[in-house]
Amino acid sequence: MTKELIARINELARKQRTTGLTAAEKEEQQRLRTAYLADIRAQVKGMLDRVEIVDVVEEEQTVRRGISGKYKRR
């Protein structure tokens, strides 16, 4: 996500609070917000995928999400 796109998201948010948005601007705002959230989620997932847990006997383990949605040691 570039600084220009983030600036546009903020610009639309300010305009929404002051004068309101047209239908086209609302659609653009939603599209930009969706892209922003997808980018953030990808960054967080990338960080979590690189997390390694070292236990008392110093065995390296990675963290993986199971079917239940909770993180498990692997």
C-alpha atoms as a PDB file:
ATOM      1  CA  MET A   1       0.000   0.000   0.000  1.00  0.00           C
ATOM      2  CA  THR A   2       1.532   3.287  -1.064  1.00  0.00           C
ATOM      3  CA  LYS A   3       1.486   6.557   0.835  1.00  0.00           C
ATOM      4  CA  GLU A   4      -0.687   8.072  -1.893  1.00  0.00           C
ATOM      5  CA  LEU A   5      -3.396   5.443  -1.392  1.00  0.00           C
ATOM      6  CA  ILE A   6      -3.328   5.895   2.385  1.00  0.00           C
ATOM      7  CA  ALA A   7      -3.555   9.659   1.884  1.00  0.00           C
ATOM      8  CA  ARG A   8      -6.581   9.129  -0.384  1.00  0.00           C
ATOM      9  CA  ILE A   9      -8.255   6.920   2.260  1.00  0.00           C
ATOM     10  CA  ASN A  10      -7.710   9.662   4.851  1.00  0.00           C
ATOM     11  CA  GLU A  11      -8.922  12.357   2.457  1.00  0.00           C
ATOM     12  CA  LEU A  12     -12.160  10.465   1.827  1.00  0.00           C
ATOM     13  CA  ALA A  13     -12.639   9.915   5.575  1.00  0.00           C
ATOM     14  CA  ARG A  14     -12.259  13.657   6.254  1.00  0.00           C
ATOM     15  CA  LYS A  15     -14.669  14.509   3.450  1.00  0.00           C
ATOM     16  CA  GLN A  16     -17.186  11.973   4.757  1.00  0.00           C
ATOM     17  CA  ARG A  17     -17.163  13.649   8.177  1.00  0.00           C
ATOM     18  CA  THR A  18     -17.525  17.167   6.783  1.00  0.00           C
ATOM     19  CA  THR A  19     -19.606  17.239   3.601  1.00  0.00           C
ATOM     20  CA  GLY A  20     -20.468  13.634   2.835  1.00  0.00           C
ATOM     21  CA  LEU A  21     -19.496  11.413  -0.067  1.00  0.00           C
ATOM     22  CA  THR A  22     -21.036  10.706  -3.440  1.00  0.00           C
ATOM     23  CA  ALA A  23     -21.942   7.136  -4.355  1.00  0.00           C
ATOM     24  CA  ALA A  24     -18.784   6.819  -6.472  1.00  0.00           C
ATOM     25  CA  GLU A  25     -16.626   8.114  -3.617  1.00  0.00           C
ATOM     26  CA  LYS A  26     -18.244   5.683  -1.169  1.00  0.00           C
ATOM     27  CA  GLU A  27     -17.472   2.822  -3.548  1.00  0.00           C
ATOM     28  CA  GLU A  28     -13.867   4.017  -3.932  1.00  0.00           C
ATOM     29  CA  GLN A  29     -13.510   4.350  -0.153  1.00  0.00           C
ATOM     30  CA  GLN A  30     -14.766   0.803   0.410  1.00  0.00           C
ATOM     31  CA  ARG A  31     -12.465  -0.588  -2.288  1.00  0.00           C
ATOM     32  CA  LEU A  32      -9.439   1.216  -0.799  1.00  0.00           C
ATOM     33  CA  ARG A  33     -10.280   0.094   2.740  1.00  0.00           C
ATOM     34  CA  THR A  34     -10.632  -3.522   1.595  1.00  0.00           C
ATOM     35  CA  ALA A  35      -7.241  -3.378  -0.136  1.00  0.00           C
ATOM     36  CA  TYR A  36      -5.667  -1.761   2.945  1.00  0.00           C
ATOM     37  CA  LEU A  37      -7.023  -4.448   5.279  1.00  0.00           C
ATOM     38  CA  ALA A  38      -5.883  -7.233   2.938  1.00  0.00           C
ATOM     39  CA  ASP A  39      -2.389  -5.730   2.945  1.00  0.00           C
ATOM     40  CA  ILE A  40      -2.290  -5.501   6.755  1.00  0.00           C
ATOM     41  CA  ARG A  41      -3.567  -9.071   7.121  1.00  0.00           C
ATOM     42  CA  ALA A  42      -0.879 -10.330   4.729  1.00  0.00           C
ATOM     43  CA  GLN A  43       1.818  -8.516   6.725  1.00  0.00           C
ATOM     44  CA  VAL A  44       0.611  -9.949  10.046  1.00  0.00           C
ATOM     45  CA  LYS A  45       0.313 -13.453   8.577  1.00  0.00           C
ATOM     46  CA  GLY A  46       3.859 -13.160   7.224  1.00  0.00           C
ATOM     47  CA  MET A  47       5.161 -12.155  10.643  1.00  0.00           C
ATOM     48  CA  LEU A  48       3.299 -14.979  12.386  1.00  0.00           C
ATOM     49  CA  ASP A  49       4.584 -17.504   9.862  1.00  0.00           C
ATOM     50  CA  ARG A  50       8.150 -16.564  10.810  1.00  0.00           C
ATOM     51  CA  VAL A  51       7.599 -16.873  14.582  1.00  0.00           C
ATOM     52  CA  GLU A  52       9.532 -19.701  16.167  1.00  0.00           C
ATOM     53  CA  ILE A  53       9.127 -20.884  19.744  1.00  0.00           C
ATOM     54  CA  VAL A  54      12.147 -22.194  21.619  1.00  0.00           C
ATOM     55  CA  ASP A  55      11.193 -24.316  24.626  1.00  0.00           C
ATOM     56  CA  VAL A  56      13.231 -25.248  27.705  1.00  0.00           C
ATOM     57  CA  VAL A  57      15.291 -27.886  25.906  1.00  0.00           C
ATOM     58  CA  GLU A  58      15.781 -25.403  23.064  1.00  0.00           C
ATOM     59  CA  GLU A  59      13.944 -27.297  20.405  1.00  0.00           C
ATOM     60  CA  GLU A  60      12.807 -24.929  17.696  1.00  0.00           C
ATOM     61  CA  GLN A  61       9.141 -25.114  16.882  1.00  0.00           C
ATOM     62  CA  THR A  62       7.013 -23.098  14.532  1.00  0.00           C
ATOM     63  CA  VAL A  63       3.521 -21.853  15.213  1.00  0.00           C
ATOM     64  CA  ARG A  64       0.730 -23.138  12.970  1.00  0.00           C
ATOM     65  CA  ARG A  65      -2.982 -22.502  13.156  1.00  0.00           C
ATOM     66  CA  GLY A  66      -5.051 -25.657  13.384  1.00  0.00           C
ATOM     67  CA  ILE A  67      -8.595 -26.290  12.240  1.00  0.00           C
ATOM     68  CA  SER A  68      -9.941 -24.945  15.536  1.00  0.00           C
ATOM     69  CA  GLY A  69      -8.358 -21.557  14.781  1.00  0.00           C
ATOM     70  CA  LYS A  70      -6.060 -21.716  17.791  1.00  0.00           C
ATOM     71  CA  TYR A  71      -2.319 -21.706  17.423  1.00  0.00           C
ATOM     72  CA  LYS A  72      -0.546 -24.965  18.132  1.00  0.00           C
ATOM     73  CA  ARG A  73       3.072 -25.947  18.428  1.00  0.00           C
ATOM     74  CA  ARG A  74       4.331 -28.019  15.573  1.00  0.00           C
END
